[in-house]
Amino acid sequence: MVSPRRLRIFALVLVSLLFVLGGCDLSSSEEDLDLLFGSWRVEDLSVDGISVKARLDARYAPLVLTLRESGGDREFFTLVGQGDNAEQDLFVQGTFQVESEDDELLLSPDSDLLVGLNYTPPGAEGSRLRLSADEGESEERFLTLIGLPVQGEVDRLEIRLSKDGTAPQKRLSSLQ
């Protein structure tokens, strides 16, 4: 028979181990953050599967999202759009956070607005990033944030970005 004292010690060790192991996911979150930091140029923007890049370029060419760390405990983003055709330049700043468990990037340009975008972490080279939102409020919030109105309800938003400013290479497939 096991003594009650040994059971309590075992339970205490087990609970302590769970707390320690629960914190191990932080390295994954920190790695995601390190890959996300930097300036990302929007290479394509699609709404409900239809590219609206031409409309975006007519307003802002280029549109750049910069994610940077601060000396404190918060990270900041800047969204800048400039161009000859733009009626007005776009300059939005705010804070962001990464929810690595859900692969979600949360942009907060002010205390009342929150834009949640799913992200596909950049690969080892770290030069491509894909952000998306499905059937929520974030799709329309992002489009409002960049001043790109779309008629009707938006169900899906996808943003493809690159760090080096070059468009992704299209793959050619042979017809069989």
N, C-alpha and C. Protein backbone atom coordinates (compact mmCIF):
# COMPACT_ATOMS: atom_id res chain seq x y z
N MET A 1 0.84 -1.18 0.00
CA MET A 1 0.00 0.00 0.00
C MET A 1 0.89 1.25 0.00
N VAL A 2 0.51 2.22 -0.79
CA VAL A 2 1.28 3.45 -0.92
C VAL A 2 0.80 4.43 0.14
N SER A 3 1.76 5.06 0.80
CA SER A 3 1.40 5.99 1.87
C SER A 3 0.80 7.27 1.29
N PRO A 4 -0.10 7.93 2.04
CA PRO A 4 -0.70 9.20 1.58
C PRO A 4 0.36 10.27 1.32
N ARG A 5 1.43 10.26 2.09
CA ARG A 5 2.49 11.25 1.91
C ARG A 5 3.15 11.07 0.54
N ARG A 6 3.45 9.83 0.16
CA ARG A 6 4.06 9.57 -1.16
C ARG A 6 3.11 9.96 -2.29
N LEU A 7 1.82 9.72 -2.12
CA LEU A 7 0.83 10.12 -3.14
C LEU A 7 0.82 11.63 -3.32
N ARG A 8 0.89 12.38 -2.22
CA ARG A 8 0.90 13.84 -2.31
C ARG A 8 2.17 14.34 -2.98
N ILE A 9 3.30 13.73 -2.64
CA ILE A 9 4.56 14.13 -3.27
C ILE A 9 4.52 13.82 -4.76
N PHE A 10 4.02 12.64 -5.12
CA PHE A 10 3.90 12.27 -6.53
C PHE A 10 2.99 13.24 -7.27
N ALA A 11 1.85 13.58 -6.66
CA ALA A 11 0.90 14.52 -7.28
C ALA A 11 1.55 15.89 -7.45
N LEU A 12 2.30 16.34 -6.45
CA LEU A 12 2.97 17.63 -6.51
C LEU A 12 4.01 17.65 -7.64
N VAL A 13 4.78 16.58 -7.75
CA VAL A 13 5.79 16.48 -8.82
C VAL A 13 5.10 16.45 -10.18
N LEU A 14 4.03 15.71 -10.30
CA LEU A 14 3.30 15.60 -11.57
C LEU A 14 2.73 16.95 -11.99
N VAL A 15 2.10 17.67 -11.06
CA VAL A 15 1.55 18.99 -11.36
C VAL A 15 2.66 19.96 -11.73
N SER A 16 3.77 19.93 -11.01
CA SER A 16 4.90 20.81 -11.33
C SER A 16 5.45 20.52 -12.72
N LEU A 17 5.55 19.25 -13.06
CA LEU A 17 6.03 18.86 -14.38
C LEU A 17 5.10 19.36 -15.48
N LEU A 18 3.80 19.29 -15.25
CA LEU A 18 2.83 19.78 -16.23
C LEU A 18 2.97 21.29 -16.44
N PHE A 19 3.20 22.03 -15.35
CA PHE A 19 3.41 23.47 -15.49
C PHE A 19 4.67 23.78 -16.28
N VAL A 20 5.73 23.06 -16.03
CA VAL A 20 7.00 23.28 -16.74
C VAL A 20 6.84 22.93 -18.21
N LEU A 21 6.23 21.78 -18.50
CA LEU A 21 6.05 21.37 -19.89
C LEU A 21 5.07 22.26 -20.62
N GLY A 22 4.09 22.81 -19.93
CA GLY A 22 3.13 23.72 -20.55
C GLY A 22 3.79 24.97 -21.08
N GLY A 23 4.88 25.40 -20.47
CA GLY A 23 5.58 26.59 -20.92
C GLY A 23 6.54 26.34 -22.06
N CYS A 24 6.72 25.10 -22.47
CA CYS A 24 7.67 24.79 -23.54
C CYS A 24 7.23 25.29 -24.90
N ASP A 25 5.95 25.57 -25.08
CA ASP A 25 5.45 26.03 -26.36
C ASP A 25 5.91 27.45 -26.67
N LEU A 26 6.44 28.15 -25.69
CA LEU A 26 6.87 29.52 -25.91
C LEU A 26 7.96 29.62 -26.97
N SER A 27 8.83 28.64 -27.06
CA SER A 27 9.89 28.71 -28.06
C SER A 27 9.30 28.70 -29.46
N SER A 28 8.23 27.92 -29.67
CA SER A 28 7.56 27.91 -30.97
C SER A 28 6.98 29.28 -31.28
N SER A 29 6.36 29.90 -30.29
CA SER A 29 5.77 31.22 -30.47
C SER A 29 6.87 32.25 -30.75
N GLU A 30 7.99 32.16 -30.05
CA GLU A 30 9.10 33.08 -30.28
C GLU A 30 9.70 32.87 -31.66
N GLU A 31 9.80 31.63 -32.13
CA GLU A 31 10.30 31.37 -33.47
C GLU A 31 9.37 31.97 -34.52
N ASP A 32 8.04 31.81 -34.32
CA ASP A 32 7.08 32.41 -35.24
C ASP A 32 7.25 33.92 -35.28
N LEU A 33 7.42 34.54 -34.12
CA LEU A 33 7.60 35.99 -34.07
C LEU A 33 8.86 36.40 -34.81
N ASP A 34 9.96 35.70 -34.59
CA ASP A 34 11.21 36.05 -35.27
C ASP A 34 11.06 35.99 -36.78
N LEU A 35 10.31 35.00 -37.28
CA LEU A 35 10.10 34.88 -38.73
C LEU A 35 9.15 35.96 -39.25
N LEU A 36 8.25 36.44 -38.41
CA LEU A 36 7.26 37.43 -38.85
C LEU A 36 7.81 38.85 -38.84
N PHE A 37 8.81 39.14 -38.00
CA PHE A 37 9.34 40.50 -37.92
C PHE A 37 9.93 40.92 -39.26
N GLY A 38 9.69 42.17 -39.61
CA GLY A 38 10.24 42.73 -40.84
C GLY A 38 9.15 43.40 -41.66
N SER A 39 9.53 43.84 -42.84
CA SER A 39 8.58 44.50 -43.75
C SER A 39 8.11 43.52 -44.81
N TRP A 40 6.80 43.47 -45.00
CA TRP A 40 6.16 42.54 -45.93
C TRP A 40 5.36 43.33 -46.96
N ARG A 41 5.68 43.14 -48.23
CA ARG A 41 4.97 43.82 -49.31
C ARG A 41 3.80 42.96 -49.76
N VAL A 42 2.63 43.56 -49.90
CA VAL A 42 1.45 42.83 -50.35
C VAL A 42 1.61 42.53 -51.84
N GLU A 43 1.65 41.26 -52.17
CA GLU A 43 1.80 40.82 -53.56
C GLU A 43 0.46 40.47 -54.19
N ASP A 44 -0.50 40.04 -53.38
CA ASP A 44 -1.84 39.75 -53.89
C ASP A 44 -2.84 39.87 -52.76
N LEU A 45 -4.03 40.33 -53.11
CA LEU A 45 -5.13 40.43 -52.17
C LEU A 45 -6.36 39.90 -52.88
N SER A 46 -7.00 38.90 -52.29
CA SER A 46 -8.20 38.35 -52.92
C SER A 46 -9.35 38.36 -51.93
N VAL A 47 -10.52 38.64 -52.46
CA VAL A 47 -11.76 38.68 -51.70
C VAL A 47 -12.69 37.64 -52.28
N ASP A 48 -13.08 36.70 -51.47
CA ASP A 48 -13.95 35.59 -51.91
C ASP A 48 -13.39 34.91 -53.15
N GLY A 49 -12.07 34.71 -53.17
CA GLY A 49 -11.42 33.99 -54.26
C GLY A 49 -11.13 34.81 -55.50
N ILE A 50 -11.47 36.09 -55.50
CA ILE A 50 -11.25 36.95 -56.67
C ILE A 50 -10.19 37.99 -56.31
N SER A 51 -9.14 38.05 -57.12
CA SER A 51 -8.06 38.99 -56.85
C SER A 51 -8.55 40.43 -57.04
N VAL A 52 -8.23 41.28 -56.08
CA VAL A 52 -8.54 42.71 -56.16
C VAL A 52 -7.23 43.50 -56.12
N LYS A 53 -6.16 42.86 -56.55
CA LYS A 53 -4.83 43.48 -56.53
C LYS A 53 -4.79 44.73 -57.41
N ALA A 54 -5.47 44.70 -58.56
CA ALA A 54 -5.48 45.87 -59.44
C ALA A 54 -6.12 47.07 -58.75
N ARG A 55 -7.21 46.83 -58.03
CA ARG A 55 -7.86 47.92 -57.27
C ARG A 55 -6.95 48.42 -56.16
N LEU A 56 -6.26 47.49 -55.52
CA LEU A 56 -5.34 47.86 -54.44
C LEU A 56 -4.19 48.71 -55.00
N ASP A 57 -3.63 48.27 -56.12
CA ASP A 57 -2.52 49.02 -56.74
C ASP A 57 -2.97 50.40 -57.22
N ALA A 58 -4.24 50.52 -57.62
CA ALA A 58 -4.73 51.82 -58.05
C ALA A 58 -4.78 52.80 -56.88
N ARG A 59 -4.95 52.28 -55.70
CA ARG A 59 -4.97 53.14 -54.50
C ARG A 59 -3.59 53.32 -53.90
N TYR A 60 -2.89 52.20 -53.68
CA TYR A 60 -1.58 52.23 -53.03
C TYR A 60 -0.65 51.27 -53.75
N ALA A 61 0.44 51.80 -54.21
CA ALA A 61 1.44 50.92 -54.80
C ALA A 61 2.79 51.36 -54.27
N PRO A 62 3.39 50.68 -53.41
CA PRO A 62 2.99 49.39 -52.83
C PRO A 62 2.26 49.58 -51.49
N LEU A 63 1.69 48.48 -50.99
CA LEU A 63 1.14 48.43 -49.64
C LEU A 63 2.07 47.54 -48.83
N VAL A 64 2.61 48.06 -47.73
CA VAL A 64 3.63 47.35 -46.96
C VAL A 64 3.18 47.23 -45.50
N LEU A 65 3.26 46.01 -44.98
CA LEU A 65 2.98 45.72 -43.58
C LEU A 65 4.32 45.46 -42.89
N THR A 66 4.61 46.24 -41.84
CA THR A 66 5.85 46.06 -41.09
C THR A 66 5.50 45.61 -39.68
N LEU A 67 6.11 44.51 -39.27
CA LEU A 67 5.92 43.97 -37.92
C LEU A 67 7.26 44.11 -37.19
N ARG A 68 7.23 44.77 -36.05
CA ARG A 68 8.49 45.00 -35.33
C ARG A 68 8.29 44.82 -33.83
N GLU A 69 9.39 44.50 -33.17
CA GLU A 69 9.33 44.32 -31.73
C GLU A 69 9.70 45.62 -31.04
N SER A 70 9.21 45.76 -29.83
CA SER A 70 9.56 46.94 -29.05
C SER A 70 10.52 46.51 -27.95
N GLY A 71 11.03 47.47 -27.25
CA GLY A 71 11.90 47.16 -26.13
C GLY A 71 11.13 46.59 -24.95
N GLY A 72 9.81 46.77 -24.97
CA GLY A 72 8.98 46.31 -23.86
C GLY A 72 8.33 44.96 -24.17
N ASP A 73 7.12 44.82 -23.69
CA ASP A 73 6.43 43.54 -23.83
C ASP A 73 5.39 43.54 -24.95
N ARG A 74 5.40 44.57 -25.82
CA ARG A 74 4.43 44.62 -26.91
C ARG A 74 5.15 44.70 -28.25
N GLU A 75 4.45 44.20 -29.27
CA GLU A 75 4.97 44.30 -30.64
C GLU A 75 4.08 45.29 -31.40
N PHE A 76 4.68 45.94 -32.39
CA PHE A 76 3.97 46.97 -33.13
C PHE A 76 3.92 46.65 -34.62
N PHE A 77 2.87 47.14 -35.27
CA PHE A 77 2.77 47.01 -36.72
C PHE A 77 2.54 48.38 -37.33
N THR A 78 2.94 48.50 -38.58
CA THR A 78 2.68 49.70 -39.37
C THR A 78 2.22 49.23 -40.74
N LEU A 79 1.18 49.83 -41.24
CA LEU A 79 0.65 49.53 -42.56
C LEU A 79 0.74 50.82 -43.36
N VAL A 80 1.56 50.81 -44.42
CA VAL A 80 1.81 52.03 -45.19
C VAL A 80 1.50 51.76 -46.66
N GLY A 81 0.73 52.66 -47.23
CA GLY A 81 0.42 52.60 -48.66
C GLY A 81 0.67 53.95 -49.28
N GLN A 82 1.46 53.99 -50.34
CA GLN A 82 1.77 55.24 -51.02
C GLN A 82 1.67 55.00 -52.51
N GLY A 83 1.44 56.05 -53.23
CA GLY A 83 1.45 55.91 -54.68
C GLY A 83 0.99 57.17 -55.37
N ASP A 84 1.29 57.25 -56.65
CA ASP A 84 0.91 58.41 -57.44
C ASP A 84 -0.60 58.48 -57.61
N ASN A 85 -1.25 57.32 -57.71
CA ASN A 85 -2.68 57.28 -57.96
C ASN A 85 -3.51 57.42 -56.69
N ALA A 86 -2.86 57.38 -55.56
CA ALA A 86 -3.59 57.41 -54.29
C ALA A 86 -4.16 58.78 -54.02
N GLU A 87 -5.44 58.80 -53.66
CA GLU A 87 -6.05 60.06 -53.26
C GLU A 87 -5.41 60.54 -51.97
N GLN A 88 -5.09 59.58 -51.12
CA GLN A 88 -4.52 59.89 -49.82
C GLN A 88 -3.62 58.73 -49.42
N ASP A 89 -2.46 59.04 -48.88
CA ASP A 89 -1.58 57.97 -48.41
C ASP A 89 -2.20 57.28 -47.21
N LEU A 90 -1.86 56.00 -47.04
CA LEU A 90 -2.35 55.23 -45.91
C LEU A 90 -1.23 55.07 -44.91
N PHE A 91 -1.52 55.36 -43.65
CA PHE A 91 -0.56 55.15 -42.59
C PHE A 91 -1.34 54.73 -41.35
N VAL A 92 -1.22 53.46 -40.98
CA VAL A 92 -1.92 52.91 -39.82
C VAL A 92 -0.87 52.26 -38.91
N GLN A 93 -0.95 52.57 -37.63
CA GLN A 93 -0.06 51.96 -36.64
C GLN A 93 -0.89 51.35 -35.54
N GLY A 94 -0.30 50.37 -34.87
CA GLY A 94 -0.96 49.76 -33.74
C GLY A 94 -0.09 48.67 -33.15
N THR A 95 -0.70 47.86 -32.32
CA THR A 95 0.01 46.75 -31.71
C THR A 95 -0.47 45.45 -32.34
N PHE A 96 0.31 44.41 -32.18
CA PHE A 96 -0.13 43.10 -32.64
C PHE A 96 0.36 42.04 -31.68
N GLN A 97 -0.29 40.91 -31.74
CA GLN A 97 0.16 39.75 -30.97
C GLN A 97 -0.07 38.50 -31.80
N VAL A 98 0.67 37.48 -31.47
CA VAL A 98 0.58 36.20 -32.19
C VAL A 98 0.03 35.16 -31.23
N GLU A 99 -1.01 34.50 -31.67
CA GLU A 99 -1.57 33.35 -30.95
C GLU A 99 -1.07 32.12 -31.70
N SER A 100 0.09 31.59 -31.29
CA SER A 100 0.73 30.52 -32.06
C SER A 100 -0.07 29.23 -32.03
N GLU A 101 -0.86 28.99 -30.98
CA GLU A 101 -1.65 27.76 -30.93
C GLU A 101 -2.68 27.73 -32.07
N ASP A 102 -3.21 28.91 -32.41
CA ASP A 102 -4.22 29.01 -33.46
C ASP A 102 -3.65 29.54 -34.77
N ASP A 103 -2.34 29.78 -34.83
CA ASP A 103 -1.71 30.42 -35.98
C ASP A 103 -2.48 31.68 -36.37
N GLU A 104 -2.69 32.55 -35.39
CA GLU A 104 -3.47 33.76 -35.63
C GLU A 104 -2.65 34.99 -35.28
N LEU A 105 -2.71 35.97 -36.17
CA LEU A 105 -2.07 37.26 -35.99
C LEU A 105 -3.18 38.26 -35.68
N LEU A 106 -3.10 38.90 -34.52
CA LEU A 106 -4.14 39.85 -34.10
C LEU A 106 -3.59 41.26 -34.22
N LEU A 107 -4.16 42.05 -35.13
CA LEU A 107 -3.77 43.44 -35.31
C LEU A 107 -4.74 44.32 -34.55
N SER A 108 -4.22 45.26 -33.80
CA SER A 108 -5.07 46.17 -33.03
C SER A 108 -4.63 47.61 -33.29
N PRO A 109 -5.24 48.24 -34.31
CA PRO A 109 -4.85 49.62 -34.62
C PRO A 109 -5.32 50.61 -33.56
N ASP A 110 -6.37 50.29 -32.85
CA ASP A 110 -6.80 51.10 -31.72
C ASP A 110 -7.53 50.20 -30.74
N SER A 111 -7.95 50.75 -29.63
CA SER A 111 -8.53 49.92 -28.58
C SER A 111 -9.89 49.34 -28.95
N ASP A 112 -10.56 49.92 -29.94
CA ASP A 112 -11.90 49.45 -30.29
C ASP A 112 -11.92 48.46 -31.45
N LEU A 113 -10.84 48.31 -32.17
CA LEU A 113 -10.83 47.48 -33.37
C LEU A 113 -9.79 46.37 -33.24
N LEU A 114 -10.19 45.17 -33.58
CA LEU A 114 -9.28 44.04 -33.56
C LEU A 114 -9.48 43.26 -34.86
N VAL A 115 -8.40 43.04 -35.59
CA VAL A 115 -8.43 42.30 -36.84
C VAL A 115 -7.65 41.01 -36.63
N GLY A 116 -8.34 39.89 -36.65
CA GLY A 116 -7.70 38.59 -36.48
C GLY A 116 -7.51 37.91 -37.81
N LEU A 117 -6.27 37.59 -38.14
CA LEU A 117 -5.94 36.95 -39.42
C LEU A 117 -5.17 35.66 -39.15
N ASN A 118 -5.60 34.58 -39.78
CA ASN A 118 -4.83 33.33 -39.71
C ASN A 118 -3.58 33.52 -40.54
N TYR A 119 -2.49 32.93 -40.10
CA TYR A 119 -1.26 33.05 -40.88
C TYR A 119 -0.65 31.68 -41.10
N THR A 120 0.01 31.57 -42.23
CA THR A 120 0.83 30.40 -42.53
C THR A 120 2.25 30.84 -42.27
N PRO A 121 2.91 30.25 -41.28
CA PRO A 121 4.26 30.71 -40.94
C PRO A 121 5.19 30.65 -42.15
N PRO A 122 6.06 31.65 -42.28
CA PRO A 122 7.02 31.64 -43.38
C PRO A 122 7.90 30.40 -43.31
N GLY A 123 8.32 29.91 -44.45
CA GLY A 123 9.20 28.74 -44.50
C GLY A 123 10.58 29.09 -43.96
N ALA A 124 11.50 28.17 -44.14
CA ALA A 124 12.86 28.35 -43.63
C ALA A 124 13.51 29.61 -44.21
N GLU A 125 13.22 29.90 -45.49
CA GLU A 125 13.82 31.09 -46.10
C GLU A 125 13.15 32.35 -45.59
N GLY A 126 11.91 32.24 -45.07
CA GLY A 126 11.23 33.36 -44.45
C GLY A 126 10.83 34.48 -45.38
N SER A 127 10.67 34.20 -46.68
CA SER A 127 10.39 35.29 -47.61
C SER A 127 8.93 35.38 -48.06
N ARG A 128 8.08 34.43 -47.70
CA ARG A 128 6.67 34.44 -48.11
C ARG A 128 5.77 34.28 -46.88
N LEU A 129 4.65 35.01 -46.88
CA LEU A 129 3.69 34.95 -45.79
C LEU A 129 2.30 35.01 -46.37
N ARG A 130 1.40 34.20 -45.82
CA ARG A 130 0.00 34.21 -46.26
C ARG A 130 -0.87 34.47 -45.05
N LEU A 131 -1.74 35.48 -45.18
CA LEU A 131 -2.71 35.81 -44.14
C LEU A 131 -4.10 35.56 -44.70
N SER A 132 -5.01 35.09 -43.87
CA SER A 132 -6.37 34.85 -44.35
C SER A 132 -7.37 35.01 -43.22
N ALA A 133 -8.63 35.21 -43.60
CA ALA A 133 -9.73 35.29 -42.65
C ALA A 133 -10.96 34.71 -43.33
N ASP A 134 -11.75 33.97 -42.56
CA ASP A 134 -12.94 33.31 -43.10
C ASP A 134 -14.17 33.64 -42.27
N GLU A 135 -15.23 34.02 -42.95
CA GLU A 135 -16.56 34.16 -42.38
C GLU A 135 -16.59 34.72 -40.97
N GLY A 136 -16.09 35.90 -40.83
CA GLY A 136 -16.13 36.60 -39.55
C GLY A 136 -16.20 38.09 -39.82
N GLU A 137 -15.75 38.87 -38.87
CA GLU A 137 -15.76 40.32 -39.05
C GLU A 137 -14.41 40.85 -39.51
N SER A 138 -13.37 40.04 -39.39
CA SER A 138 -12.02 40.51 -39.70
C SER A 138 -11.82 40.83 -41.17
N GLU A 139 -12.50 40.12 -42.06
CA GLU A 139 -12.34 40.39 -43.49
C GLU A 139 -12.73 41.83 -43.80
N GLU A 140 -13.92 42.21 -43.38
CA GLU A 140 -14.39 43.56 -43.67
C GLU A 140 -13.62 44.61 -42.86
N ARG A 141 -13.20 44.26 -41.66
CA ARG A 141 -12.41 45.19 -40.85
C ARG A 141 -11.09 45.51 -41.52
N PHE A 142 -10.43 44.48 -42.10
CA PHE A 142 -9.16 44.72 -42.78
C PHE A 142 -9.37 45.60 -44.01
N LEU A 143 -10.39 45.30 -44.80
CA LEU A 143 -10.66 46.10 -45.99
C LEU A 143 -11.00 47.54 -45.63
N THR A 144 -11.71 47.75 -44.54
CA THR A 144 -12.00 49.10 -44.06
C THR A 144 -10.71 49.78 -43.60
N LEU A 145 -9.87 49.03 -42.92
CA LEU A 145 -8.60 49.55 -42.42
C LEU A 145 -7.73 50.10 -43.55
N ILE A 146 -7.71 49.41 -44.69
CA ILE A 146 -6.88 49.87 -45.81
C ILE A 146 -7.65 50.76 -46.78
N GLY A 147 -8.91 51.05 -46.46
CA GLY A 147 -9.70 51.96 -47.29
C GLY A 147 -10.03 51.38 -48.64
N LEU A 148 -10.33 50.10 -48.70
CA LEU A 148 -10.68 49.44 -49.96
C LEU A 148 -12.09 48.86 -49.82
N PRO A 149 -13.10 49.67 -50.09
CA PRO A 149 -14.47 49.19 -49.92
C PRO A 149 -14.84 48.14 -50.96
N VAL A 150 -15.59 47.16 -50.52
CA VAL A 150 -16.09 46.10 -51.39
C VAL A 150 -17.59 46.02 -51.17
N GLN A 151 -18.35 45.96 -52.26
CA GLN A 151 -19.80 45.86 -52.13
C GLN A 151 -20.19 44.46 -51.71
N GLY A 152 -21.19 44.37 -50.86
CA GLY A 152 -21.68 43.08 -50.43
C GLY A 152 -20.91 42.54 -49.25
N GLU A 153 -21.32 41.37 -48.82
CA GLU A 153 -20.71 40.73 -47.66
C GLU A 153 -19.49 39.91 -48.10
N VAL A 154 -18.43 40.00 -47.32
CA VAL A 154 -17.20 39.29 -47.62
C VAL A 154 -17.11 38.06 -46.73
N ASP A 155 -16.89 36.89 -47.36
CA ASP A 155 -16.78 35.65 -46.60
C ASP A 155 -15.34 35.17 -46.45
N ARG A 156 -14.46 35.59 -47.37
CA ARG A 156 -13.07 35.10 -47.31
C ARG A 156 -12.13 36.19 -47.83
N LEU A 157 -11.04 36.35 -47.09
CA LEU A 157 -10.01 37.31 -47.46
C LEU A 157 -8.68 36.57 -47.42
N GLU A 158 -7.87 36.76 -48.44
CA GLU A 158 -6.53 36.17 -48.45
C GLU A 158 -5.53 37.22 -48.91
N ILE A 159 -4.43 37.31 -48.16
CA ILE A 159 -3.38 38.28 -48.47
C ILE A 159 -2.08 37.51 -48.60
N ARG A 160 -1.42 37.68 -49.73
CA ARG A 160 -0.11 37.05 -49.94
C ARG A 160 0.94 38.16 -49.92
N LEU A 161 1.96 37.94 -49.10
CA LEU A 161 3.00 38.95 -48.92
C LEU A 161 4.37 38.34 -49.15
N SER A 162 5.33 39.19 -49.51
CA SER A 162 6.71 38.72 -49.64
C SER A 162 7.63 39.72 -48.97
N LYS A 163 8.71 39.21 -48.43
CA LYS A 163 9.67 40.06 -47.74
C LYS A 163 10.61 40.75 -48.71
N ASP A 164 10.91 40.09 -49.80
CA ASP A 164 11.87 40.67 -50.73
C ASP A 164 11.21 41.51 -51.82
N GLY A 165 9.88 41.59 -51.82
CA GLY A 165 9.19 42.43 -52.79
C GLY A 165 8.99 41.81 -54.14
N THR A 166 9.37 40.56 -54.32
CA THR A 166 9.16 39.91 -55.60
C THR A 166 7.93 39.04 -55.54
N ALA A 167 7.22 38.99 -56.62
CA ALA A 167 6.00 38.20 -56.68
C ALA A 167 6.34 36.71 -56.68
N PRO A 168 5.48 35.90 -56.07
CA PRO A 168 5.72 34.46 -56.09
C PRO A 168 5.74 33.93 -57.52
N GLN A 169 6.59 32.97 -57.77
CA GLN A 169 6.67 32.36 -59.10
C GLN A 169 5.46 31.47 -59.33
N LYS A 170 4.84 31.61 -60.50
CA LYS A 170 3.72 30.74 -60.83
C LYS A 170 4.26 29.42 -61.35
N ARG A 171 3.64 28.35 -60.91
CA ARG A 171 4.07 27.03 -61.36
C ARG A 171 3.32 26.67 -62.62
N LEU A 172 4.07 26.18 -63.58
CA LEU A 172 3.46 25.74 -64.82
C LEU A 172 3.13 24.25 -64.68
N SER A 173 1.94 23.89 -65.09
CA SER A 173 1.57 22.48 -65.06
C SER A 173 1.22 22.05 -66.48
N SER A 174 1.58 20.84 -66.79
CA SER A 174 1.31 20.35 -68.13
C SER A 174 -0.11 19.79 -68.18
N LEU A 175 -0.76 20.00 -69.29
CA LEU A 175 -2.10 19.47 -69.48
C LEU A 175 -1.99 18.05 -70.01
N GLN A 176 -2.75 17.16 -69.40
CA GLN A 176 -2.68 15.77 -69.83
C GLN A 176 -3.99 15.32 -70.39
